[in-house]
Amino acid sequence: PVAIFPDSLIYLEAVHFRNAAFLLVLEYNSIFFNRYLGWTAGSMIAHDKILGTMITSAVGRQPLPSRLSSSQASSSPASA
């Protein structure tokens, strides 16, 4: 895990900043728009949907580069 951690952390930060820069704009726009209309539940749903999208894309795409090396490295000791 120590050898994989820096690469996956750098990739996770890149995905996080790419998603956060774009999605935080959508999040704040939807929250302020819903608050302007008085829809507290609407802003909560929009926040949960966008936050879930950020978490899903960051966690879902982050292991892809390191999963090839980690699965090959972990499968050979497991078979041996």
PDB file of N, CA and C in Angstrom:
ATOM      1  N   PRO A   1       0.822  -1.215   0.000  1.00  0.00           N
ATOM      2  CA  PRO A   1       0.000   0.000   0.000  1.00  0.00           C
ATOM      3  C   PRO A   1       0.859   1.269   0.000  1.00  0.00           C
ATOM      4  N   VAL A   2       2.039   1.188   0.623  1.00  0.00           N
ATOM      5  CA  VAL A   2       2.869   2.391   0.719  1.00  0.00           C
ATOM      6  C   VAL A   2       3.381   2.798  -0.655  1.00  0.00           C
ATOM      7  N   ALA A   3       3.716   1.804  -1.487  1.00  0.00           N
ATOM      8  CA  ALA A   3       4.251   2.118  -2.807  1.00  0.00           C
ATOM      9  C   ALA A   3       3.158   2.607  -3.748  1.00  0.00           C
ATOM     10  N   ILE A   4       1.924   2.142  -3.538  1.00  0.00           N
ATOM     11  CA  ILE A   4       0.821   2.524  -4.423  1.00  0.00           C
ATOM     12  C   ILE A   4       0.215   3.852  -3.974  1.00  0.00           C
ATOM     13  N   PHE A   5       0.358   4.176  -2.688  1.00  0.00           N
ATOM     14  CA  PHE A   5      -0.345   5.320  -2.113  1.00  0.00           C
ATOM     15  C   PHE A   5      -0.006   6.650  -2.787  1.00  0.00           C
ATOM     16  N   PRO A   6       1.285   6.986  -3.049  1.00  0.00           N
ATOM     17  CA  PRO A   6       1.554   8.301  -3.646  1.00  0.00           C
ATOM     18  C   PRO A   6       0.956   8.453  -5.043  1.00  0.00           C
ATOM     19  N   ASP A   7       1.053   7.409  -5.885  1.00  0.00           N
ATOM     20  CA  ASP A   7       0.506   7.525  -7.234  1.00  0.00           C
ATOM     21  C   ASP A   7      -1.008   7.682  -7.199  1.00  0.00           C
ATOM     22  N   SER A   8      -1.671   6.857  -6.391  1.00  0.00           N
ATOM     23  CA  SER A   8      -3.125   6.935  -6.329  1.00  0.00           C
ATOM     24  C   SER A   8      -3.563   8.244  -5.683  1.00  0.00           C
ATOM     25  N   LEU A   9      -2.762   8.752  -4.737  1.00  0.00           N
ATOM     26  CA  LEU A   9      -3.115  10.019  -4.101  1.00  0.00           C
ATOM     27  C   LEU A   9      -3.009  11.162  -5.102  1.00  0.00           C
ATOM     28  N   ILE A  10      -1.950  11.157  -5.912  1.00  0.00           N
ATOM     29  CA  ILE A  10      -1.789  12.208  -6.917  1.00  0.00           C
ATOM     30  C   ILE A  10      -2.924  12.136  -7.933  1.00  0.00           C
ATOM     31  N   TYR A  11      -3.271  10.925  -8.361  1.00  0.00           N
ATOM     32  CA  TYR A  11      -4.354  10.781  -9.336  1.00  0.00           C
ATOM     33  C   TYR A  11      -5.688  11.172  -8.717  1.00  0.00           C
ATOM     34  N   LEU A  12      -5.885  10.817  -7.453  1.00  0.00           N
ATOM     35  CA  LEU A  12      -7.125  11.174  -6.768  1.00  0.00           C
ATOM     36  C   LEU A  12      -7.238  12.688  -6.639  1.00  0.00           C
ATOM     37  N   GLU A  13      -6.132  13.365  -6.337  1.00  0.00           N
ATOM     38  CA  GLU A  13      -6.159  14.817  -6.253  1.00  0.00           C
ATOM     39  C   GLU A  13      -6.472  15.437  -7.611  1.00  0.00           C
ATOM     40  N   ALA A  14      -5.908  14.868  -8.690  1.00  0.00           N
ATOM     41  CA  ALA A  14      -6.174  15.415 -10.019  1.00  0.00           C
ATOM     42  C   ALA A  14      -7.636  15.261 -10.379  1.00  0.00           C
ATOM     43  N   VAL A  15      -8.199  14.091 -10.111  1.00  0.00           N
ATOM     44  CA  VAL A  15      -9.618  13.870 -10.413  1.00  0.00           C
ATOM     45  C   VAL A  15     -10.483  14.735  -9.511  1.00  0.00           C
ATOM     46  N   HIS A  16     -10.078  14.857  -8.241  1.00  0.00           N
ATOM     47  CA  HIS A  16     -10.875  15.632  -7.292  1.00  0.00           C
ATOM     48  C   HIS A  16     -10.918  17.102  -7.687  1.00  0.00           C
ATOM     49  N   PHE A  17      -9.763  17.677  -8.036  1.00  0.00           N
ATOM     50  CA  PHE A  17      -9.740  19.086  -8.402  1.00  0.00           C
ATOM     51  C   PHE A  17     -10.458  19.322  -9.721  1.00  0.00           C
ATOM     52  N   ARG A  18     -10.346  18.370 -10.667  1.00  0.00           N
ATOM     53  CA  ARG A  18     -11.039  18.533 -11.941  1.00  0.00           C
ATOM     54  C   ARG A  18     -12.544  18.505 -11.724  1.00  0.00           C
ATOM     55  N   ASN A  19     -13.018  17.588 -10.879  1.00  0.00           N
ATOM     56  CA  ASN A  19     -14.449  17.501 -10.628  1.00  0.00           C
ATOM     57  C   ASN A  19     -14.920  18.651  -9.746  1.00  0.00           C
ATOM     58  N   ALA A  20     -14.118  18.997  -8.742  1.00  0.00           N
ATOM     59  CA  ALA A  20     -14.534  20.030  -7.804  1.00  0.00           C
ATOM     60  C   ALA A  20     -14.631  21.382  -8.491  1.00  0.00           C
ATOM     61  N   ALA A  21     -13.687  21.668  -9.384  1.00  0.00           N
ATOM     62  CA  ALA A  21     -13.691  22.969 -10.047  1.00  0.00           C
ATOM     63  C   ALA A  21     -14.952  23.154 -10.870  1.00  0.00           C
ATOM     64  N   PHE A  22     -15.406  22.094 -11.524  1.00  0.00           N
ATOM     65  CA  PHE A  22     -16.595  22.198 -12.367  1.00  0.00           C
ATOM     66  C   PHE A  22     -17.871  21.996 -11.563  1.00  0.00           C
ATOM     67  N   LEU A  23     -17.875  21.020 -10.659  1.00  0.00           N
ATOM     68  CA  LEU A  23     -19.110  20.644  -9.984  1.00  0.00           C
ATOM     69  C   LEU A  23     -19.443  21.579  -8.831  1.00  0.00           C
ATOM     70  N   LEU A  24     -18.438  22.205  -8.219  1.00  0.00           N
ATOM     71  CA  LEU A  24     -18.757  23.159  -7.166  1.00  0.00           C
ATOM     72  C   LEU A  24     -19.500  24.363  -7.729  1.00  0.00           C
ATOM     73  N   VAL A  25     -19.211  24.722  -8.983  1.00  0.00           N
ATOM     74  CA  VAL A  25     -19.964  25.798  -9.624  1.00  0.00           C
ATOM     75  C   VAL A  25     -21.419  25.380  -9.772  1.00  0.00           C
ATOM     76  N   LEU A  26     -21.649  24.155 -10.229  1.00  0.00           N
ATOM     77  CA  LEU A  26     -23.017  23.664 -10.360  1.00  0.00           C
ATOM     78  C   LEU A  26     -23.682  23.549  -8.997  1.00  0.00           C
ATOM     79  N   GLU A  27     -22.897  23.133  -7.999  1.00  0.00           N
ATOM     80  CA  GLU A  27     -23.462  22.952  -6.667  1.00  0.00           C
ATOM     81  C   GLU A  27     -23.910  24.285  -6.084  1.00  0.00           C
ATOM     82  N   TYR A  28     -23.051  25.287  -6.146  1.00  0.00           N
ATOM     83  CA  TYR A  28     -23.407  26.581  -5.591  1.00  0.00           C
ATOM     84  C   TYR A  28     -24.530  27.230  -6.385  1.00  0.00           C
ATOM     85  N   ASN A  29     -24.517  27.070  -7.713  1.00  0.00           N
ATOM     86  CA  ASN A  29     -25.598  27.630  -8.512  1.00  0.00           C
ATOM     87  C   ASN A  29     -26.930  26.993  -8.145  1.00  0.00           C
ATOM     88  N   SER A  30     -26.946  25.667  -7.995  1.00  0.00           N
ATOM     89  CA  SER A  30     -28.201  24.988  -7.694  1.00  0.00           C
ATOM     90  C   SER A  30     -28.660  25.307  -6.273  1.00  0.00           C
ATOM     91  N   ILE A  31     -27.702  25.412  -5.324  1.00  0.00           N
ATOM     92  CA  ILE A  31     -28.092  25.698  -3.942  1.00  0.00           C
ATOM     93  C   ILE A  31     -28.657  27.116  -3.841  1.00  0.00           C
ATOM     94  N   PHE A  32     -27.973  28.090  -4.436  1.00  0.00           N
ATOM     95  CA  PHE A  32     -28.460  29.460  -4.357  1.00  0.00           C
ATOM     96  C   PHE A  32     -29.751  29.622  -5.137  1.00  0.00           C
ATOM     97  N   PHE A  33     -29.886  28.926  -6.261  1.00  0.00           N
ATOM     98  CA  PHE A  33     -31.116  28.998  -7.041  1.00  0.00           C
ATOM     99  C   PHE A  33     -32.277  28.390  -6.260  1.00  0.00           C
ATOM    100  N   ASN A  34     -32.030  27.242  -5.633  1.00  0.00           N
ATOM    101  CA  ASN A  34     -33.091  26.604  -4.858  1.00  0.00           C
ATOM    102  C   ASN A  34     -33.403  27.401  -3.597  1.00  0.00           C
ATOM    103  N   ARG A  35     -32.380  28.005  -2.996  1.00  0.00           N
ATOM    104  CA  ARG A  35     -32.625  28.829  -1.815  1.00  0.00           C
ATOM    105  C   ARG A  35     -33.408  30.082  -2.201  1.00  0.00           C
ATOM    106  N   TYR A  36     -33.148  30.604  -3.398  1.00  0.00           N
ATOM    107  CA  TYR A  36     -33.890  31.768  -3.875  1.00  0.00           C
ATOM    108  C   TYR A  36     -35.355  31.408  -4.059  1.00  0.00           C
ATOM    109  N   LEU A  37     -35.618  30.192  -4.519  1.00  0.00           N
ATOM    110  CA  LEU A  37     -36.995  29.748  -4.683  1.00  0.00           C
ATOM    111  C   LEU A  37     -37.586  29.222  -3.377  1.00  0.00           C
ATOM    112  N   GLY A  38     -36.730  29.088  -2.352  1.00  0.00           N
ATOM    113  CA  GLY A  38     -37.222  28.612  -1.078  1.00  0.00           C
ATOM    114  C   GLY A  38     -37.330  27.109  -0.991  1.00  0.00           C
ATOM    115  N   TRP A  39     -36.640  26.374  -1.881  1.00  0.00           N
ATOM    116  CA  TRP A  39     -36.710  24.917  -1.863  1.00  0.00           C
ATOM    117  C   TRP A  39     -35.497  24.375  -1.113  1.00  0.00           C
ATOM    118  N   THR A  40     -35.641  24.228   0.198  1.00  0.00           N
ATOM    119  CA  THR A  40     -34.539  23.692   0.990  1.00  0.00           C
ATOM    120  C   THR A  40     -34.284  22.233   0.632  1.00  0.00           C
ATOM    121  N   ALA A  41     -35.350  21.477   0.431  1.00  0.00           N
ATOM    122  CA  ALA A  41     -35.194  20.069   0.069  1.00  0.00           C
ATOM    123  C   ALA A  41     -34.533  19.940  -1.296  1.00  0.00           C
ATOM    124  N   GLY A  42     -34.820  20.854  -2.205  1.00  0.00           N
ATOM    125  CA  GLY A  42     -34.220  20.798  -3.534  1.00  0.00           C
ATOM    126  C   GLY A  42     -32.722  21.018  -3.488  1.00  0.00           C
ATOM    127  N   SER A  43     -32.272  21.943  -2.637  1.00  0.00           N
ATOM    128  CA  SER A  43     -30.835  22.190  -2.537  1.00  0.00           C
ATOM    129  C   SER A  43     -30.138  21.022  -1.857  1.00  0.00           C
ATOM    130  N   MET A  44     -30.818  20.384  -0.896  1.00  0.00           N
ATOM    131  CA  MET A  44     -30.220  19.221  -0.237  1.00  0.00           C
ATOM    132  C   MET A  44     -30.065  18.072  -1.222  1.00  0.00           C
ATOM    133  N   ILE A  45     -31.089  17.859  -2.072  1.00  0.00           N
ATOM    134  CA  ILE A  45     -31.019  16.786  -3.066  1.00  0.00           C
ATOM    135  C   ILE A  45     -29.931  17.100  -4.086  1.00  0.00           C
ATOM    136  N   ALA A  46     -29.844  18.352  -4.519  1.00  0.00           N
ATOM    137  CA  ALA A  46     -28.811  18.725  -5.491  1.00  0.00           C
ATOM    138  C   ALA A  46     -27.426  18.557  -4.877  1.00  0.00           C
ATOM    139  N   HIS A  47     -27.277  18.919  -3.602  1.00  0.00           N
ATOM    140  CA  HIS A  47     -25.973  18.785  -2.951  1.00  0.00           C
ATOM    141  C   HIS A  47     -25.596  17.316  -2.824  1.00  0.00           C
ATOM    142  N   ASP A  48     -26.545  16.469  -2.427  1.00  0.00           N
ATOM    143  CA  ASP A  48     -26.245  15.045  -2.268  1.00  0.00           C
ATOM    144  C   ASP A  48     -25.932  14.407  -3.610  1.00  0.00           C
ATOM    145  N   LYS A  49     -26.647  14.828  -4.662  1.00  0.00           N
ATOM    146  CA  LYS A  49     -26.406  14.234  -5.982  1.00  0.00           C
ATOM    147  C   LYS A  49     -25.020  14.623  -6.488  1.00  0.00           C
ATOM    148  N   ILE A  50     -24.644  15.891  -6.349  1.00  0.00           N
ATOM    149  CA  ILE A  50     -23.349  16.345  -6.862  1.00  0.00           C
ATOM    150  C   ILE A  50     -22.220  15.813  -5.986  1.00  0.00           C
ATOM    151  N   LEU A  51     -22.430  15.798  -4.672  1.00  0.00           N
ATOM    152  CA  LEU A  51     -21.405  15.247  -3.787  1.00  0.00           C
ATOM    153  C   LEU A  51     -21.230  13.758  -4.050  1.00  0.00           C
ATOM    154  N   GLY A  52     -22.337  13.052  -4.307  1.00  0.00           N
ATOM    155  CA  GLY A  52     -22.242  11.645  -4.653  1.00  0.00           C
ATOM    156  C   GLY A  52     -21.543  11.430  -5.975  1.00  0.00           C
ATOM    157  N   THR A  53     -21.767  12.354  -6.919  1.00  0.00           N
ATOM    158  CA  THR A  53     -21.085  12.247  -8.212  1.00  0.00           C
ATOM    159  C   THR A  53     -19.584  12.454  -8.040  1.00  0.00           C
ATOM    160  N   MET A  54     -19.186  13.423  -7.195  1.00  0.00           N
ATOM    161  CA  MET A  54     -17.765  13.660  -6.967  1.00  0.00           C
ATOM    162  C   MET A  54     -17.123  12.445  -6.305  1.00  0.00           C
ATOM    163  N   ILE A  55     -17.807  11.877  -5.302  1.00  0.00           N
ATOM    164  CA  ILE A  55     -17.234  10.729  -4.593  1.00  0.00           C
ATOM    165  C   ILE A  55     -17.171   9.522  -5.515  1.00  0.00           C
ATOM    166  N   THR A  56     -18.240   9.307  -6.303  1.00  0.00           N
ATOM    167  CA  THR A  56     -18.274   8.137  -7.185  1.00  0.00           C
ATOM    168  C   THR A  56     -17.201   8.242  -8.255  1.00  0.00           C
ATOM    169  N   SER A  57     -17.049   9.424  -8.848  1.00  0.00           N
ATOM    170  CA  SER A  57     -16.058   9.566  -9.913  1.00  0.00           C
ATOM    171  C   SER A  57     -14.644   9.508  -9.348  1.00  0.00           C
ATOM    172  N   ALA A  58     -14.432  10.091  -8.163  1.00  0.00           N
ATOM    173  CA  ALA A  58     -13.089  10.074  -7.588  1.00  0.00           C
ATOM    174  C   ALA A  58     -12.713   8.671  -7.121  1.00  0.00           C
ATOM    175  N   VAL A  59     -13.615   8.016  -6.404  1.00  0.00           N
ATOM    176  CA  VAL A  59     -13.312   6.681  -5.887  1.00  0.00           C
ATOM    177  C   VAL A  59     -13.386   5.654  -7.003  1.00  0.00           C
ATOM    178  N   GLY A  60     -14.315   5.851  -7.944  1.00  0.00           N
ATOM    179  CA  GLY A  60     -14.494   4.861  -8.995  1.00  0.00           C
ATOM    180  C   GLY A  60     -13.379   4.872 -10.020  1.00  0.00           C
ATOM    181  N   ARG A  61     -12.816   6.040 -10.313  1.00  0.00           N
ATOM    182  CA  ARG A  61     -11.784   6.133 -11.337  1.00  0.00           C
ATOM    183  C   ARG A  61     -10.374   6.120 -10.756  1.00  0.00           C
ATOM    184  N   GLN A  62     -10.250   6.364  -9.466  1.00  0.00           N
ATOM    185  CA  GLN A  62      -8.926   6.462  -8.852  1.00  0.00           C
ATOM    186  C   GLN A  62      -8.172   5.144  -8.869  1.00  0.00           C
ATOM    187  N   PRO A  63      -8.792   3.968  -8.607  1.00  0.00           N
ATOM    188  CA  PRO A  63      -7.978   2.752  -8.546  1.00  0.00           C
ATOM    189  C   PRO A  63      -7.578   2.204  -9.911  1.00  0.00           C
ATOM    190  N   LEU A  64      -8.089   2.760 -11.008  1.00  0.00           N
ATOM    191  CA  LEU A  64      -7.859   2.147 -12.309  1.00  0.00           C
ATOM    192  C   LEU A  64      -6.382   2.085 -12.698  1.00  0.00           C
ATOM    193  N   PRO A  65      -5.584   3.147 -12.559  1.00  0.00           N
ATOM    194  CA  PRO A  65      -4.167   3.027 -12.943  1.00  0.00           C
ATOM    195  C   PRO A  65      -3.388   2.086 -12.026  1.00  0.00           C
ATOM    196  N   SER A  66      -3.663   2.111 -10.727  1.00  0.00           N
ATOM    197  CA  SER A  66      -2.887   1.305  -9.788  1.00  0.00           C
ATOM    198  C   SER A  66      -3.454  -0.096  -9.643  1.00  0.00           C
ATOM    199  N   ARG A  67      -4.678  -0.328 -10.125  1.00  0.00           N
ATOM    200  CA  ARG A  67      -5.273  -1.650  -9.946  1.00  0.00           C
ATOM    201  C   ARG A  67      -4.561  -2.684 -10.812  1.00  0.00           C
ATOM    202  N   LEU A  68      -4.075  -2.273 -11.999  1.00  0.00           N
ATOM    203  CA  LEU A  68      -3.352  -3.213 -12.844  1.00  0.00           C
ATOM    204  C   LEU A  68      -2.083  -3.678 -12.142  1.00  0.00           C
ATOM    205  N   SER A  69      -1.317  -2.731 -11.615  1.00  0.00           N
ATOM    206  CA  SER A  69      -0.058  -3.102 -10.970  1.00  0.00           C
ATOM    207  C   SER A  69      -0.319  -3.789  -9.635  1.00  0.00           C
ATOM    208  N   SER A  70      -1.331  -3.337  -8.900  1.00  0.00           N
ATOM    209  CA  SER A  70      -1.574  -3.919  -7.582  1.00  0.00           C
ATOM    210  C   SER A  70      -2.186  -5.306  -7.703  1.00  0.00           C
ATOM    211  N   SER A  71      -3.050  -5.523  -8.711  1.00  0.00           N
ATOM    212  CA  SER A  71      -3.664  -6.843  -8.850  1.00  0.00           C
ATOM    213  C   SER A  71      -2.634  -7.861  -9.328  1.00  0.00           C
ATOM    214  N   GLN A  72      -1.733  -7.441 -10.218  1.00  0.00           N
ATOM    215  CA  GLN A  72      -0.690  -8.357 -10.666  1.00  0.00           C
ATOM    216  C   GLN A  72       0.303  -8.630  -9.538  1.00  0.00           C
ATOM    217  N   ALA A  73       0.586  -7.615  -8.740  1.00  0.00           N
ATOM    218  CA  ALA A  73       1.533  -7.803  -7.645  1.00  0.00           C
ATOM    219  C   ALA A  73       0.915  -8.636  -6.528  1.00  0.00           C
ATOM    220  N   SER A  74      -0.397  -8.510  -6.334  1.00  0.00           N
ATOM    221  CA  SER A  74      -1.033  -9.245  -5.247  1.00  0.00           C
ATOM    222  C   SER A  74      -1.472 -10.634  -5.686  1.00  0.00           C
ATOM    223  N   SER A  75      -1.654 -10.851  -6.999  1.00  0.00           N
ATOM    224  CA  SER A  75      -2.113 -12.162  -7.451  1.00  0.00           C
ATOM    225  C   SER A  75      -0.958 -13.164  -7.501  1.00  0.00           C
ATOM    226  N   SER A  76       0.269 -12.682  -7.775  1.00  0.00           N
ATOM    227  CA  SER A  76       1.393 -13.620  -7.833  1.00  0.00           C
ATOM    228  C   SER A  76       1.779 -14.147  -6.442  1.00  0.00           C
ATOM    229  N   PRO A  77       1.808 -13.324  -5.376  1.00  0.00           N
ATOM    230  CA  PRO A  77       2.043 -13.928  -4.052  1.00  0.00           C
ATOM    231  C   PRO A  77       0.860 -14.786  -3.602  1.00  0.00           C
ATOM    232  N   ALA A  78      -0.356 -14.438  -4.042  1.00  0.00           N
ATOM    233  CA  ALA A  78      -1.519 -15.215  -3.622  1.00  0.00           C
ATOM    234  C   ALA A  78      -1.498 -16.594  -4.268  1.00  0.00           C
ATOM    235  N   SER A  79      -1.075 -16.650  -5.550  1.00  0.00           N
ATOM    236  CA  SER A  79      -1.001 -17.948  -6.222  1.00  0.00           C
ATOM    237  C   SER A  79       0.221 -18.735  -5.748  1.00  0.00           C
ATOM    238  N   ALA A  80       1.279 -18.018  -5.357  1.00  0.00           N
ATOM    239  CA  ALA A  80       2.488 -18.696  -4.881  1.00  0.00           C
ATOM    240  C   ALA A  80       2.384 -18.887  -3.365  1.00  0.00           C
TER     241      ALA A  80
END
